[in-house]
Amino acid sequence: MPDTRLTLALESGAASLPAAGRLAVFDAPAEADLSALPKARVQIVQGFAPDHHAWEERGWDVVVEPEGDFAGAVVFTPRAKLAARAMVAQALELTSGGPVIVDGPKAHGIDSLHKAARRTGAEVSAAFAKAHGKLFSVQADPELFAHWIAEGAILLDGRYRTTPGVFSADGVDPGSALLVRALPRGLRGRVADLGAGWGFLAGEALAANPDIAEMHLVEADYVSLLCASAGVQDTRARLHWADVARFVPDAPFDHVLMNPPFHTGRAPDPALGRAFLAAAARMLAPHGSAFIVANRHLPYERDLVSLFGEVQEIGDDPGYKIIRAARPRRAARGGRLAGGGKIA
């Protein structure tokens, strides 16, 4: 169901944007209602590939980084507090002080963001509350918010770079670390890291396996991919900004590595993980294998048996399991599910 909070606020006069000039819209999810905005004047800044392509297909001007100056802006807040603050600060800079409309659900910390904006001494409107979220406007000297621009963090002896808002920004995800320890030595040929994030799995696999010919990092989040580009300094790395479910490699892979996502915002969405499993089976060569880490409670085995001829748990700890799936079924490689199979 579309989130209509922005439209209701603009139509009721609870918020307003300039009548002339370009408008930037940051991080609008594909389901957002932008019907109250003048489409010809709007540039959507969206780095998440599925949402980016959804807006593009509807005919909107969509970019991964803002281009030029703007008369006003709208920020749809991400979950990460530091990322949301940085986005508001950037919007104020690009608009020379606003107005900037900030819109977010309560689950994304919109209340604390509103209070923090007021503490800067800026001109901040009262909150417009609707549909489990709030919206407010800011007009201020951008310098008041300069400290909201977050610096990227350097991890693992300076090798990997992360930034607020990317998955596991504060350190290596325990599941990914477990998968790296469970990977067999001697991987070779064409390998893919699906949902590569800031590049830990790909980087560690490349370092341990000199016979890998190519490592393809497929990631939907543009900022994460920029981090991976900085952290995985290996000539065998190939980076792809793409939705894993829609990505089509130029040739099949010999191996696939993945720590598939299973949340949309804060809501569990098992279909995300299943889409990754199906994508792996589709992209692998007939002899290929996939190495998957998953939270122990996720019932991926049933889907894997439909997609692969061999499914085996090769490692675990109290929170995670490592699964090796091999011999993708012909129907799965053609994009359909096949029946049968056993779990070793």
Protein backbone atom coordinates (compact mmCIF):
# COMPACT_ATOMS: atom_id res chain seq x y z
CA MET A 1 0.00 0.00 0.00
CA PRO A 2 1.51 3.40 -0.95
CA ASP A 3 2.67 5.69 1.84
CA THR A 4 0.59 8.84 1.28
CA ARG A 5 1.94 10.93 4.19
CA LEU A 6 3.84 13.31 1.87
CA THR A 7 0.85 13.85 -0.41
CA LEU A 8 -1.51 14.48 2.52
CA ALA A 9 0.92 16.97 4.10
CA LEU A 10 1.37 18.93 0.86
CA GLU A 11 -2.34 18.95 0.03
CA SER A 12 -3.33 20.05 3.55
CA GLY A 13 -0.69 22.77 3.76
CA ALA A 14 1.13 21.08 6.64
CA ALA A 15 4.25 21.21 4.45
CA SER A 16 5.19 23.08 1.30
CA LEU A 17 7.84 23.19 -1.41
CA PRO A 18 8.88 26.03 -3.72
CA ALA A 19 6.59 26.70 -6.69
CA ALA A 20 9.57 26.95 -9.05
CA GLY A 21 12.95 25.27 -9.33
CA ARG A 22 14.22 21.72 -9.20
CA LEU A 23 13.30 19.37 -6.37
CA ALA A 24 15.47 16.51 -5.06
CA VAL A 25 13.80 13.44 -3.56
CA PHE A 26 16.16 11.25 -1.55
CA ASP A 27 15.72 7.52 -1.00
CA ALA A 28 12.07 7.25 -2.06
CA PRO A 29 11.01 3.60 -1.89
CA ALA A 30 9.25 2.22 -4.94
CA GLU A 31 5.90 2.24 -3.10
CA ALA A 32 6.09 5.92 -2.07
CA ASP A 33 3.32 8.23 -3.31
CA LEU A 34 4.91 11.15 -5.17
CA SER A 35 1.73 12.16 -6.98
CA ALA A 36 1.67 15.61 -5.33
CA LEU A 37 5.09 16.51 -6.76
CA PRO A 38 5.62 18.11 -10.19
CA LYS A 39 7.28 15.23 -12.02
CA ALA A 40 9.06 17.45 -14.56
CA ARG A 41 10.91 19.29 -11.78
CA VAL A 42 11.88 16.26 -9.68
CA GLN A 43 15.12 14.31 -9.56
CA ILE A 44 14.95 11.14 -7.46
CA VAL A 45 18.21 10.12 -5.77
CA GLN A 46 17.98 6.38 -5.20
CA GLY A 47 20.93 3.99 -4.86
CA PHE A 48 18.97 0.78 -4.22
CA ALA A 49 18.76 -0.89 -7.62
CA PRO A 50 15.22 -2.42 -7.42
CA ASP A 51 13.66 0.90 -6.34
CA HIS A 52 15.85 2.89 -8.75
CA HIS A 53 14.70 0.81 -11.71
CA ALA A 54 11.06 0.91 -10.58
CA TRP A 55 11.06 4.74 -10.69
CA GLU A 56 12.99 4.73 -13.96
CA GLU A 57 10.41 2.44 -15.56
CA ARG A 58 7.67 4.90 -14.53
CA GLY A 59 9.45 7.70 -16.38
CA TRP A 60 10.98 9.65 -13.49
CA ASP A 61 14.42 11.24 -13.58
CA VAL A 62 16.44 8.93 -11.30
CA VAL A 63 20.13 9.11 -10.36
CA VAL A 64 22.41 7.48 -7.79
CA GLU A 65 24.01 10.80 -6.84
CA PRO A 66 22.35 14.25 -7.04
CA GLU A 67 23.26 16.46 -9.97
CA GLY A 68 23.22 20.26 -9.64
CA ASP A 69 21.44 22.54 -7.22
CA PHE A 70 17.82 22.42 -6.04
CA ALA A 71 15.14 24.77 -4.73
CA GLY A 72 13.78 22.21 -2.26
CA ALA A 73 14.07 18.58 -1.26
CA VAL A 74 12.30 15.62 0.31
CA VAL A 75 14.16 13.03 2.38
CA PHE A 76 12.62 9.61 2.99
CA THR A 77 14.54 8.42 6.02
CA PRO A 78 16.50 5.15 5.94
CA ARG A 79 16.67 2.93 9.01
CA ALA A 80 20.22 3.85 9.98
CA LYS A 81 20.23 6.99 12.16
CA LEU A 82 23.61 8.28 10.98
CA ALA A 83 22.70 7.71 7.34
CA ALA A 84 19.43 9.62 7.80
CA ARG A 85 21.24 12.55 9.41
CA ALA A 86 23.81 12.65 6.61
CA MET A 87 21.03 12.66 4.02
CA VAL A 88 19.28 15.63 5.68
CA ALA A 89 22.57 17.54 5.87
CA GLN A 90 23.28 16.85 2.19
CA ALA A 91 19.78 17.99 1.20
CA LEU A 92 20.22 21.27 3.09
CA GLU A 93 23.58 21.84 1.40
CA LEU A 94 22.16 21.21 -2.08
CA THR A 95 19.17 23.51 -1.47
CA SER A 96 21.25 26.27 0.17
CA GLY A 97 19.26 25.90 3.37
CA GLY A 98 15.99 24.29 2.36
CA PRO A 99 13.15 23.85 2.59
CA VAL A 100 13.77 20.16 3.20
CA ILE A 101 10.84 17.89 4.05
CA VAL A 102 11.85 14.89 6.17
CA ASP A 103 9.45 11.93 6.06
CA GLY A 104 9.77 8.61 7.85
CA PRO A 105 8.04 5.84 9.76
CA LYS A 106 8.33 5.66 13.53
CA ALA A 107 10.33 2.44 13.13
CA HIS A 108 13.06 4.48 11.40
CA GLY A 109 13.45 6.82 14.38
CA ILE A 110 11.66 9.83 12.91
CA ASP A 111 10.78 11.13 16.42
CA SER A 112 14.41 11.26 17.56
CA LEU A 113 15.45 12.79 14.22
CA HIS A 114 12.85 15.55 14.65
CA LYS A 115 14.09 16.30 18.19
CA ALA A 116 17.72 16.30 17.05
CA ALA A 117 16.92 18.74 14.23
CA ARG A 118 15.26 21.11 16.71
CA ARG A 119 18.28 20.97 19.02
CA THR A 120 20.46 22.49 16.28
CA GLY A 121 18.56 25.78 16.58
CA ALA A 122 17.26 25.50 13.03
CA GLU A 123 13.78 26.49 11.87
CA VAL A 124 11.96 23.17 12.20
CA SER A 125 8.22 22.73 11.78
CA ALA A 126 5.89 20.80 14.01
CA ALA A 127 5.53 17.16 13.06
CA PHE A 128 2.70 16.02 10.79
CA ALA A 129 1.72 12.56 12.04
CA LYS A 130 -0.03 10.02 9.83
CA ALA A 131 0.03 6.27 9.14
CA HIS A 132 2.58 5.20 11.78
CA GLY A 133 5.02 7.92 10.78
CA LYS A 134 5.78 11.62 10.86
CA LEU A 135 6.90 14.38 8.53
CA PHE A 136 8.50 17.75 9.28
CA SER A 137 10.22 20.58 7.40
CA VAL A 138 13.62 22.18 7.99
CA GLN A 139 15.03 25.51 6.84
CA ALA A 140 18.48 26.41 8.14
CA ASP A 141 22.01 27.46 7.42
CA PRO A 142 23.59 24.16 6.23
CA GLU A 143 26.50 24.80 8.62
CA LEU A 144 24.16 24.02 11.54
CA PHE A 145 23.95 20.46 10.22
CA ALA A 146 27.53 20.01 8.99
CA HIS A 147 28.30 17.70 11.93
CA TRP A 148 25.58 15.34 10.67
CA ILE A 149 27.76 14.32 7.73
CA ALA A 150 29.21 11.01 8.85
CA GLU A 151 32.67 9.83 7.91
CA GLY A 152 33.23 6.32 6.60
CA ALA A 153 34.78 3.77 8.97
CA ILE A 154 37.89 1.72 8.23
CA LEU A 155 37.76 -1.91 9.37
CA LEU A 156 40.16 -4.85 9.52
CA ASP A 157 43.54 -3.15 9.62
CA GLY A 158 42.43 -0.51 7.17
CA ARG A 159 41.59 -2.96 4.41
CA TYR A 160 37.81 -2.65 4.17
CA ARG A 161 35.69 0.51 4.14
CA THR A 162 32.13 0.89 5.36
CA THR A 163 29.84 3.83 5.93
CA PRO A 164 26.67 4.34 8.00
CA GLY A 165 23.61 2.78 6.39
CA VAL A 166 25.28 -0.21 4.74
CA PHE A 167 24.70 -3.70 6.11
CA SER A 168 26.97 -4.52 9.07
CA ALA A 169 28.64 -1.11 8.94
CA ASP A 170 30.27 -1.48 12.36
CA GLY A 171 32.13 -4.73 11.71
CA VAL A 172 32.13 -8.10 10.02
CA ASP A 173 28.76 -9.86 10.18
CA PRO A 174 29.14 -13.07 12.26
CA GLY A 175 27.43 -15.15 9.58
CA SER A 176 29.81 -13.94 6.90
CA ALA A 177 32.79 -14.63 9.15
CA LEU A 178 31.52 -18.18 9.73
CA LEU A 179 31.07 -18.74 6.00
CA VAL A 180 34.63 -17.58 5.26
CA ARG A 181 35.98 -20.10 7.78
CA ALA A 182 33.89 -22.91 6.24
CA LEU A 183 34.82 -22.28 2.61
CA PRO A 184 37.01 -24.99 1.09
CA ARG A 185 40.43 -23.99 -0.19
CA GLY A 186 41.04 -24.38 -3.88
CA LEU A 187 38.10 -22.46 -5.32
CA ARG A 188 38.80 -21.76 -8.95
CA GLY A 189 37.22 -20.37 -12.10
CA ARG A 190 34.41 -17.82 -12.15
CA VAL A 191 32.98 -17.03 -8.72
CA ALA A 192 30.16 -14.68 -7.68
CA ASP A 193 29.35 -13.04 -4.35
CA LEU A 194 25.61 -12.36 -4.50
CA GLY A 195 24.62 -9.45 -2.27
CA ALA A 196 28.28 -8.60 -1.82
CA GLY A 197 27.75 -5.66 0.55
CA TRP A 198 31.03 -3.89 1.29
CA GLY A 199 33.03 -6.82 -0.05
CA PHE A 200 34.15 -8.97 2.90
CA LEU A 201 33.22 -12.39 1.48
CA ALA A 202 34.64 -11.61 -1.95
CA GLY A 203 37.81 -10.06 -0.56
CA GLU A 204 38.59 -12.94 1.79
CA ALA A 205 37.84 -15.59 -0.85
CA LEU A 206 40.13 -13.87 -3.35
CA ALA A 207 42.94 -13.64 -0.81
CA ALA A 208 42.70 -17.35 0.03
CA ASN A 209 42.21 -18.74 -3.48
CA PRO A 210 44.78 -17.73 -6.12
CA ASP A 211 43.10 -19.91 -8.77
CA ILE A 212 39.91 -17.85 -8.79
CA ALA A 213 39.95 -16.31 -12.26
CA GLU A 214 37.18 -13.76 -11.70
CA MET A 215 35.16 -12.67 -8.68
CA HIS A 216 31.88 -10.95 -9.53
CA LEU A 217 30.46 -8.81 -6.73
CA VAL A 218 26.72 -8.29 -7.32
CA GLU A 219 25.14 -5.72 -5.00
CA ALA A 220 21.91 -3.71 -5.19
CA ASP A 221 23.00 -0.90 -2.85
CA TYR A 222 25.15 1.63 -4.67
CA VAL A 223 26.87 2.96 -1.53
CA SER A 224 27.80 -0.57 -0.45
CA LEU A 225 29.30 -1.20 -3.87
CA LEU A 226 31.39 1.98 -3.60
CA CYS A 227 32.72 0.63 -0.30
CA ALA A 228 33.48 -2.71 -1.94
CA SER A 229 35.30 -0.94 -4.75
CA ALA A 230 37.55 0.76 -2.19
CA GLY A 231 38.08 -2.36 -0.07
CA VAL A 232 38.54 -5.13 -2.63
CA GLN A 233 41.66 -4.03 -4.46
CA ASP A 234 42.14 -7.11 -6.63
CA THR A 235 42.37 -7.14 -10.42
CA ARG A 236 40.14 -10.24 -10.52
CA ALA A 237 37.21 -8.37 -8.97
CA ARG A 238 34.28 -7.35 -11.18
CA LEU A 239 31.63 -5.10 -9.62
CA HIS A 240 27.98 -5.06 -10.68
CA TRP A 241 25.34 -2.66 -9.34
CA ALA A 242 22.26 -4.81 -9.84
CA ASP A 243 19.27 -6.53 -8.28
CA VAL A 244 20.44 -10.11 -7.76
CA ALA A 245 17.04 -11.46 -8.82
CA ARG A 246 17.37 -9.74 -12.22
CA PHE A 247 21.11 -9.99 -12.82
CA VAL A 248 22.17 -12.01 -15.88
CA PRO A 249 25.89 -12.92 -16.00
CA ASP A 250 27.71 -13.08 -19.32
CA ALA A 251 28.65 -16.72 -18.58
CA PRO A 252 27.73 -19.26 -15.88
CA PHE A 253 29.61 -19.28 -12.57
CA ASP A 254 31.55 -22.18 -11.11
CA HIS A 255 30.80 -21.12 -7.54
CA VAL A 256 28.47 -18.71 -5.78
CA LEU A 257 28.91 -17.31 -2.27
CA MET A 258 26.15 -15.59 -0.37
CA ASN A 259 24.79 -14.30 2.89
CA PRO A 260 21.27 -13.59 1.61
CA PRO A 261 19.12 -10.86 3.17
CA PHE A 262 15.88 -11.82 4.83
CA HIS A 263 14.41 -8.47 5.91
CA THR A 264 12.56 -5.66 4.18
CA GLY A 265 13.06 -2.82 6.62
CA ARG A 266 12.30 -4.40 10.00
CA ALA A 267 9.83 -6.95 8.68
CA PRO A 268 11.11 -10.48 7.97
CA ASP A 269 10.63 -11.38 4.32
CA PRO A 270 11.69 -14.98 3.56
CA ALA A 271 10.93 -14.40 -0.13
CA LEU A 272 14.11 -12.31 -0.36
CA GLY A 273 16.31 -15.23 0.62
CA ARG A 274 14.43 -17.60 -1.66
CA ALA A 275 14.97 -15.21 -4.56
CA PHE A 276 18.72 -15.32 -3.89
CA LEU A 277 18.71 -19.12 -3.85
CA ALA A 278 16.84 -19.28 -7.15
CA ALA A 279 19.21 -16.72 -8.66
CA ALA A 280 22.23 -18.79 -7.59
CA ALA A 281 20.83 -21.92 -9.22
CA ARG A 282 20.06 -19.99 -12.39
CA MET A 283 23.55 -18.49 -12.65
CA LEU A 284 25.60 -21.61 -11.92
CA ALA A 285 27.11 -23.99 -14.45
CA PRO A 286 25.80 -27.59 -14.31
CA HIS A 287 28.83 -28.62 -12.21
CA GLY A 288 28.58 -25.51 -10.02
CA SER A 289 28.13 -25.15 -6.28
CA ALA A 290 26.76 -22.52 -3.92
CA PHE A 291 27.98 -21.79 -0.38
CA ILE A 292 25.29 -20.16 1.74
CA VAL A 293 25.15 -18.85 5.29
CA ALA A 294 21.73 -18.41 6.86
CA ASN A 295 20.21 -17.82 10.27
CA ARG A 296 19.58 -21.20 11.80
CA HIS A 297 15.79 -20.72 11.99
CA LEU A 298 15.33 -20.02 8.26
CA PRO A 299 13.90 -23.11 6.47
CA TYR A 300 15.85 -22.78 3.21
CA GLU A 301 16.46 -26.50 2.80
CA ARG A 302 13.07 -27.15 1.20
CA ASP A 303 13.75 -24.55 -1.50
CA LEU A 304 17.29 -25.77 -2.02
CA VAL A 305 16.17 -29.36 -2.59
CA SER A 306 13.92 -28.08 -5.37
CA LEU A 307 16.81 -26.18 -6.95
CA PHE A 308 19.84 -28.45 -6.47
CA GLY A 309 20.67 -32.14 -6.71
CA GLU A 310 22.92 -32.01 -3.63
CA VAL A 311 22.26 -30.09 -0.41
CA GLN A 312 24.52 -30.50 2.62
CA GLU A 313 25.12 -28.61 5.85
CA ILE A 314 28.89 -28.16 6.21
CA GLY A 315 29.17 -25.93 9.27
CA ASP A 316 27.22 -24.21 12.00
CA ASP A 317 27.18 -22.42 15.31
CA PRO A 318 24.26 -21.58 17.65
CA GLY A 319 22.99 -18.80 15.38
CA TYR A 320 23.90 -19.80 11.83
CA LYS A 321 24.24 -22.72 9.45
CA ILE A 322 26.48 -23.10 6.40
CA ILE A 323 25.01 -24.99 3.46
CA ARG A 324 26.69 -26.27 0.32
CA ALA A 325 24.31 -26.78 -2.60
CA ALA A 326 25.61 -28.37 -5.80
CA ARG A 327 24.45 -29.59 -9.21
CA PRO A 328 21.72 -27.04 -9.99
CA ARG A 329 18.75 -28.68 -11.64
CA ARG A 330 18.16 -27.98 -15.30
CA ALA A 331 14.72 -26.49 -14.66
CA ALA A 332 16.19 -24.19 -12.00
CA ARG A 333 18.86 -23.00 -14.42
CA GLY A 334 16.03 -22.18 -16.79
CA GLY A 335 14.33 -20.08 -14.12
CA ARG A 336 11.81 -22.63 -12.87
CA LEU A 337 11.70 -24.85 -9.80
CA ALA A 338 12.12 -28.61 -10.08
CA GLY A 339 10.87 -31.20 -7.63
CA GLY A 340 12.56 -34.04 -5.77
CA GLY A 341 16.00 -34.30 -4.22
CA LYS A 342 17.41 -35.10 -0.80
CA ILE A 343 19.24 -33.23 1.92
CA ALA A 344 22.53 -34.92 2.87
